[in-house]
Amino acid sequence: MRKNAVALFFLSPLVAEFLLGDFGLNALPALLFLAPMYGGGAILIREAARRTGRGWPTILTLALAYGVVEEGLVTQSLFNPDYAGLHLLQHWFVPGLGISVPWTITVLAVHTIWSISVPIALVENLTPATRTTPWLRTTGLVVAGVLCVLGALLNVVGTLSNDHFVAPWPRLAGAAVVAVALIVLAFRLPRRVERRTGRVPAPSAVLVLTLVAGGLFRLPDAVPTWVTVGLMVLVFGGLAGAVLHWSRRDGWGAAHRLALAAGATLTYAWHSFFMKPFMGDGPVITPVSHAVFAALALLLLYFEVRSLRPKASEAAHPGEALADLRSR
């Protein structure tokens, strides 16, 4: 099961930065710089939730806390008016908090969904038998924790070397308080939710809905800010509420979870073609990189779909296989 943790360790930054289009193929060595924080964080979140018998509500809440830590304390992009020269705080700036509403919603949603949750879902789906069981022993958890902290420190140093901005301490303290509150909330959520009878959409419908939501969420800058903010809140909140409602029903299963993860993965894949990499940019390498990472994402999704097919022993007892699939 340690191989699952290793896969998650590298898949998290690959989805978060390379599939997104922020890094090109010739920037792959940066994976060693990014994996400790992204991958270490994803492993800790996944193991903490599964070891305590909790599921996706806890994982998503911890992933949101991760986003607050990374963008509020590590890179401080939530508060930096000229982070990476992008002027991220110019729209709907809230002086009292020192943040921009559109950027805060966007970047926290990005980390919650794509940096942490999607990689966890993809790796778990590949090995259904261990989907909800711990992958690591205490030593492995310690290693993941140390790597995550070291990765965060490396990112702090790297960010400060390029931009000497440091947010005022009250804002940093506020981000820390929010992160701690989210972590506490994550472990106060119920361990189990009672299943109910009722119909759920087909996995193909969930996939289409996720793709549409992803398309609306990644709107171009030409759209007015108030439209962007409104649609982000509507889409993110609406889809989360719908999934929460459907996932409590008996018909919800592994295929639906994969449809959500696949839709999010494909959203990043097509969106990357409109991105200019921060590292590894070039007239040839950029489109080639986008095409290669998109193709690798499609290949991974192919194996994900294959993992849903019942084995020969299960095919002999389809009723038992279906019951087991839904229970996961």
Protein backbone atom coordinates (compact mmCIF):
# COMPACT_ATOMS: atom_id res chain seq x y z
CA MET A 1 0.00 0.00 0.00
CA ARG A 2 3.01 2.27 0.28
CA LYS A 3 3.07 2.43 -3.51
CA ASN A 4 -0.32 4.21 -3.30
CA ALA A 5 1.22 6.85 -1.07
CA VAL A 6 4.17 7.25 -3.45
CA ALA A 7 1.76 7.62 -6.38
CA LEU A 8 -0.21 10.27 -4.51
CA PHE A 9 3.02 12.03 -3.52
CA PHE A 10 3.86 12.72 -7.17
CA LEU A 11 0.37 12.86 -8.69
CA SER A 12 -0.71 15.77 -6.48
CA PRO A 13 1.85 18.28 -7.83
CA LEU A 14 1.53 16.86 -11.35
CA VAL A 15 -2.18 17.67 -11.36
CA ALA A 16 -1.86 20.90 -9.37
CA GLU A 17 0.86 22.53 -11.47
CA PHE A 18 1.79 20.54 -14.59
CA LEU A 19 -1.65 19.46 -15.82
CA LEU A 20 -2.92 22.95 -15.02
CA GLY A 21 -0.30 24.37 -17.40
CA ASP A 22 1.84 26.33 -14.94
CA PHE A 23 4.92 24.19 -15.69
CA GLY A 24 6.21 22.73 -18.95
CA LEU A 25 7.89 19.41 -19.68
CA ASN A 26 11.35 20.95 -19.39
CA ALA A 27 10.44 22.06 -15.86
CA LEU A 28 9.86 18.49 -14.61
CA PRO A 29 12.86 18.73 -12.22
CA ALA A 30 10.76 21.23 -10.27
CA LEU A 31 8.60 18.26 -9.31
CA LEU A 32 11.18 17.41 -6.64
CA PHE A 33 10.69 20.90 -5.21
CA LEU A 34 6.90 20.80 -5.37
CA ALA A 35 6.14 17.20 -4.36
CA PRO A 36 7.12 17.44 -0.66
CA MET A 37 4.54 20.14 0.11
CA TYR A 38 1.78 19.08 -2.28
CA GLY A 39 2.27 15.33 -2.05
CA GLY A 40 3.13 15.32 1.65
CA GLY A 41 0.06 17.41 2.40
CA ALA A 42 -2.23 15.17 0.32
CA ILE A 43 -0.92 12.05 2.05
CA LEU A 44 -1.38 13.53 5.53
CA ILE A 45 -4.92 14.65 4.72
CA ARG A 46 -5.90 11.31 3.23
CA GLU A 47 -4.39 9.26 6.05
CA ALA A 48 -5.85 11.48 8.78
CA ALA A 49 -9.34 11.09 7.34
CA ARG A 50 -9.15 7.35 6.68
CA ARG A 51 -7.46 6.48 9.98
CA THR A 52 -10.28 8.18 11.90
CA GLY A 53 -12.98 6.44 9.85
CA ARG A 54 -14.03 9.59 8.05
CA GLY A 55 -14.77 10.24 4.41
CA TRP A 56 -14.95 12.96 1.82
CA PRO A 57 -16.49 15.79 3.90
CA THR A 58 -13.43 15.59 6.17
CA ILE A 59 -11.00 15.30 3.24
CA LEU A 60 -12.50 18.34 1.51
CA THR A 61 -12.45 20.43 4.70
CA LEU A 62 -8.82 19.51 5.37
CA ALA A 63 -8.00 20.29 1.74
CA LEU A 64 -9.51 23.75 2.20
CA ALA A 65 -7.35 24.21 5.30
CA TYR A 66 -4.34 23.21 3.20
CA GLY A 67 -5.22 25.90 0.68
CA VAL A 68 -5.41 28.53 3.42
CA VAL A 69 -2.00 27.48 4.73
CA GLU A 70 -0.32 27.46 1.32
CA GLU A 71 -1.75 30.70 -0.02
CA GLY A 72 -2.11 32.55 3.28
CA LEU A 73 1.08 31.55 5.10
CA VAL A 74 3.51 29.93 2.63
CA THR A 75 3.24 31.94 -0.60
CA GLN A 76 1.05 34.68 0.97
CA SER A 77 -0.61 35.24 -2.41
CA LEU A 78 -3.89 35.98 -0.61
CA PHE A 79 -2.36 39.22 0.69
CA ASN A 80 0.36 40.10 -1.84
CA PRO A 81 -0.92 42.78 -4.29
CA ASP A 82 1.76 41.95 -6.86
CA TYR A 83 2.34 38.22 -6.38
CA ALA A 84 4.30 36.90 -9.40
CA GLY A 85 3.55 40.21 -11.11
CA LEU A 86 -0.07 39.17 -11.67
CA HIS A 87 -1.91 41.92 -9.71
CA LEU A 88 -4.23 39.36 -8.17
CA LEU A 89 -5.86 41.72 -5.68
CA GLN A 90 -7.04 44.45 -8.04
CA HIS A 91 -10.66 43.27 -8.16
CA TRP A 92 -13.09 43.40 -5.23
CA PHE A 93 -10.35 44.12 -2.71
CA VAL A 94 -11.44 44.02 0.95
CA PRO A 95 -9.13 46.45 2.84
CA GLY A 96 -9.99 45.15 6.30
CA LEU A 97 -8.98 41.60 5.39
CA GLY A 98 -6.34 42.46 2.81
CA ILE A 99 -7.75 39.99 0.27
CA SER A 100 -9.47 39.98 -3.10
CA VAL A 101 -12.78 38.12 -3.17
CA PRO A 102 -12.37 36.57 -6.68
CA TRP A 103 -8.77 35.47 -6.11
CA THR A 104 -9.48 34.06 -2.65
CA ILE A 105 -12.42 32.00 -3.90
CA THR A 106 -10.53 30.83 -6.98
CA VAL A 107 -7.28 29.79 -5.36
CA LEU A 108 -8.88 28.09 -2.35
CA ALA A 109 -11.23 26.16 -4.63
CA VAL A 110 -8.29 25.19 -6.84
CA HIS A 111 -6.36 23.71 -3.92
CA THR A 112 -9.40 22.09 -2.32
CA ILE A 113 -10.47 20.33 -5.51
CA TRP A 114 -7.48 19.87 -7.80
CA SER A 115 -4.37 20.03 -5.63
CA ILE A 116 -5.64 17.59 -2.97
CA SER A 117 -9.03 15.97 -3.53
CA VAL A 118 -8.76 14.94 -7.20
CA PRO A 119 -5.37 13.20 -6.79
CA ILE A 120 -6.64 11.36 -3.69
CA ALA A 121 -9.75 10.21 -5.53
CA LEU A 122 -7.78 9.04 -8.57
CA VAL A 123 -5.26 7.01 -6.57
CA GLU A 124 -7.92 5.50 -4.30
CA ASN A 125 -9.99 4.45 -7.30
CA LEU A 126 -7.11 2.47 -8.79
CA THR A 127 -7.05 0.16 -5.76
CA PRO A 128 -10.67 -0.22 -4.60
CA ALA A 129 -9.78 -2.86 -1.99
CA THR A 130 -7.77 -0.32 0.03
CA ARG A 131 -9.81 2.78 -0.77
CA THR A 132 -10.83 3.52 2.81
CA THR A 133 -8.00 1.83 4.70
CA PRO A 134 -4.74 3.44 5.90
CA TRP A 135 -1.81 3.14 3.53
CA LEU A 136 1.04 4.01 5.88
CA ARG A 137 2.27 3.07 9.32
CA THR A 138 3.49 5.58 11.88
CA THR A 139 6.95 5.83 10.33
CA GLY A 140 5.48 6.60 6.93
CA LEU A 141 3.25 9.29 8.41
CA VAL A 142 6.23 10.91 10.12
CA VAL A 143 8.18 10.91 6.87
CA ALA A 144 5.24 12.45 5.00
CA GLY A 145 4.87 15.10 7.71
CA VAL A 146 8.56 15.99 7.66
CA LEU A 147 8.56 16.21 3.87
CA CYS A 148 5.46 18.44 3.93
CA VAL A 149 7.03 20.84 6.44
CA LEU A 150 10.34 20.91 4.57
CA GLY A 151 8.50 21.48 1.31
CA ALA A 152 6.56 24.37 2.82
CA LEU A 153 9.77 25.93 4.14
CA LEU A 154 11.45 25.56 0.74
CA ASN A 155 8.48 27.33 -0.85
CA VAL A 156 8.67 30.12 1.71
CA VAL A 157 12.36 30.62 0.97
CA GLY A 158 11.78 30.42 -2.78
CA THR A 159 8.91 32.91 -2.66
CA LEU A 160 10.81 35.39 -0.50
CA SER A 161 13.86 35.17 -2.75
CA ASN A 162 11.74 36.30 -5.71
CA ASP A 163 9.46 38.68 -3.85
CA HIS A 164 10.35 40.18 -0.49
CA PHE A 165 6.71 40.79 0.42
CA VAL A 166 5.66 39.78 3.95
CA ALA A 167 2.05 40.29 5.00
CA PRO A 168 1.29 42.15 8.25
CA TRP A 169 1.26 39.76 11.20
CA PRO A 170 -2.48 40.20 11.98
CA ARG A 171 -3.32 38.87 8.52
CA LEU A 172 -0.93 35.95 8.89
CA ALA A 173 -2.38 35.22 12.33
CA GLY A 174 -5.88 35.38 10.87
CA ALA A 175 -4.99 32.87 8.17
CA ALA A 176 -3.52 30.55 10.81
CA VAL A 177 -6.68 30.81 12.93
CA VAL A 178 -8.89 30.02 9.93
CA ALA A 179 -6.74 27.00 9.03
CA VAL A 180 -6.86 25.65 12.60
CA ALA A 181 -10.63 26.21 12.77
CA LEU A 182 -11.11 24.25 9.53
CA ILE A 183 -8.97 21.39 10.85
CA VAL A 184 -11.02 21.24 14.06
CA LEU A 185 -14.24 21.33 12.03
CA ALA A 186 -13.00 18.50 9.80
CA PHE A 187 -12.73 16.16 12.77
CA ARG A 188 -16.06 17.24 14.24
CA LEU A 189 -17.93 16.11 11.15
CA PRO A 190 -19.83 12.81 11.40
CA ARG A 191 -17.85 9.65 10.69
CA ARG A 192 -20.69 7.96 8.89
CA VAL A 193 -23.78 9.22 7.08
CA GLU A 194 -26.91 7.10 7.01
CA ARG A 195 -27.73 5.85 3.53
CA ARG A 196 -31.12 6.65 2.06
CA THR A 197 -33.11 5.19 -0.79
CA GLY A 198 -33.54 7.27 -3.90
CA ARG A 199 -32.41 7.75 -7.45
CA VAL A 200 -29.15 9.34 -8.47
CA PRO A 201 -28.03 10.55 -11.90
CA ALA A 202 -26.03 8.22 -14.11
CA PRO A 203 -22.24 8.54 -13.83
CA SER A 204 -22.17 9.93 -17.39
CA ALA A 205 -24.54 12.71 -16.33
CA VAL A 206 -22.34 13.50 -13.33
CA LEU A 207 -19.34 13.68 -15.66
CA VAL A 208 -21.09 16.11 -18.00
CA LEU A 209 -22.30 18.23 -15.08
CA THR A 210 -18.78 18.39 -13.67
CA LEU A 211 -17.34 19.40 -17.05
CA VAL A 212 -19.93 22.15 -17.42
CA ALA A 213 -19.25 23.36 -13.89
CA GLY A 214 -15.52 23.33 -14.58
CA GLY A 215 -16.01 25.34 -17.74
CA LEU A 216 -18.03 27.97 -15.91
CA PHE A 217 -15.57 28.05 -13.03
CA ARG A 218 -12.60 28.75 -15.31
CA LEU A 219 -14.11 31.82 -16.95
CA PRO A 220 -11.88 34.21 -18.91
CA ASP A 221 -10.84 37.55 -17.46
CA ALA A 222 -12.99 39.35 -20.03
CA VAL A 223 -16.10 38.44 -18.03
CA PRO A 224 -17.12 41.17 -15.53
CA THR A 225 -15.86 40.52 -11.99
CA TRP A 226 -19.32 40.40 -10.42
CA VAL A 227 -20.38 37.75 -12.95
CA THR A 228 -17.25 35.70 -12.24
CA VAL A 229 -17.73 35.84 -8.47
CA GLY A 230 -21.42 35.04 -8.68
CA LEU A 231 -20.91 32.07 -10.98
CA MET A 232 -18.00 30.73 -8.93
CA VAL A 233 -20.11 30.75 -5.77
CA LEU A 234 -23.14 29.35 -7.59
CA VAL A 235 -21.26 26.61 -9.40
CA PHE A 236 -19.01 25.55 -6.54
CA GLY A 237 -21.78 25.66 -3.93
CA GLY A 238 -24.43 24.16 -6.18
CA LEU A 239 -22.34 21.20 -7.28
CA ALA A 240 -21.11 20.56 -3.74
CA GLY A 241 -24.68 20.58 -2.43
CA ALA A 242 -25.90 18.28 -5.19
CA VAL A 243 -23.09 15.79 -4.64
CA LEU A 244 -23.65 15.83 -0.89
CA HIS A 245 -27.32 15.06 -1.49
CA TRP A 246 -26.71 12.29 -4.04
CA SER A 247 -23.86 10.64 -2.17
CA ARG A 248 -26.17 9.82 0.73
CA ARG A 249 -28.31 7.62 -1.48
CA ASP A 250 -27.86 3.91 -2.09
CA GLY A 251 -27.30 4.31 -5.81
CA TRP A 252 -24.16 6.43 -5.41
CA GLY A 253 -20.97 4.46 -5.95
CA ALA A 254 -17.44 4.24 -7.30
CA ALA A 255 -18.42 5.15 -10.85
CA HIS A 256 -19.95 8.43 -9.65
CA ARG A 257 -16.86 9.31 -7.64
CA LEU A 258 -14.71 8.62 -10.68
CA ALA A 259 -17.01 10.76 -12.85
CA LEU A 260 -16.42 13.72 -10.52
CA ALA A 261 -12.64 13.20 -10.48
CA ALA A 262 -12.53 12.65 -14.25
CA GLY A 263 -14.54 15.79 -14.94
CA ALA A 264 -12.20 17.87 -12.78
CA THR A 265 -9.14 16.28 -14.41
CA LEU A 266 -10.40 16.96 -17.93
CA THR A 267 -11.22 20.54 -16.94
CA TYR A 268 -7.57 21.15 -16.09
CA ALA A 269 -6.46 19.32 -19.25
CA TRP A 270 -8.39 21.55 -21.66
CA HIS A 271 -7.81 24.69 -19.64
CA SER A 272 -4.03 24.19 -19.80
CA PHE A 273 -4.04 25.04 -23.51
CA PHE A 274 -4.99 28.61 -22.57
CA MET A 275 -2.23 28.92 -19.96
CA LYS A 276 1.25 30.36 -20.30
CA PRO A 277 3.64 28.42 -18.06
CA PHE A 278 5.50 30.22 -15.30
CA MET A 279 8.39 27.82 -15.91
CA GLY A 280 9.26 25.95 -19.08
CA ASP A 281 7.62 28.34 -21.53
CA GLY A 282 8.48 28.43 -25.24
CA PRO A 283 6.83 28.57 -28.68
CA VAL A 284 7.28 24.82 -29.16
CA ILE A 285 7.65 23.36 -25.69
CA THR A 286 4.48 24.99 -24.34
CA PRO A 287 1.90 23.41 -26.71
CA VAL A 288 3.83 20.13 -26.66
CA SER A 289 3.78 20.13 -22.86
CA HIS A 290 0.06 20.80 -22.73
CA ALA A 291 -0.61 18.01 -25.23
CA VAL A 292 1.63 15.50 -23.43
CA PHE A 293 0.16 16.14 -19.99
CA ALA A 294 -3.39 16.04 -21.37
CA ALA A 295 -2.63 12.74 -23.10
CA LEU A 296 -1.19 11.31 -19.89
CA ALA A 297 -4.33 12.41 -18.04
CA LEU A 298 -6.48 10.60 -20.60
CA LEU A 299 -4.31 7.49 -20.24
CA LEU A 300 -4.69 7.59 -16.47
CA LEU A 301 -8.45 7.95 -16.79
CA TYR A 302 -8.48 4.93 -19.11
CA PHE A 303 -6.92 2.81 -16.36
CA GLU A 304 -9.29 4.39 -13.85
CA VAL A 305 -12.28 3.22 -15.87
CA ARG A 306 -10.76 -0.24 -16.23
CA SER A 307 -10.41 -0.49 -12.46
CA LEU A 308 -14.21 -0.25 -12.18
CA ARG A 309 -14.79 -3.39 -14.22
CA PRO A 310 -15.61 -6.43 -12.07
CA LYS A 311 -13.08 -9.21 -12.01
CA ALA A 312 -13.95 -12.70 -13.20
CA SER A 313 -14.69 -13.88 -9.66
CA GLU A 314 -17.01 -10.95 -9.11
CA ALA A 315 -18.77 -11.47 -12.42
CA ALA A 316 -19.91 -14.86 -11.16
CA HIS A 317 -21.73 -13.14 -8.31
CA PRO A 318 -22.88 -9.79 -9.73
CA GLY A 319 -25.22 -9.04 -6.83
CA GLU A 320 -22.45 -9.33 -4.27
CA ALA A 321 -20.06 -7.30 -6.44
CA LEU A 322 -22.61 -4.49 -6.83
CA ALA A 323 -23.33 -4.40 -3.11
CA ASP A 324 -19.61 -4.23 -2.36
CA LEU A 325 -19.08 -1.46 -4.94
CA ARG A 326 -21.81 0.68 -3.42
CA SER A 327 -20.55 0.15 0.13
CA ARG A 328 -17.23 1.71 -0.86
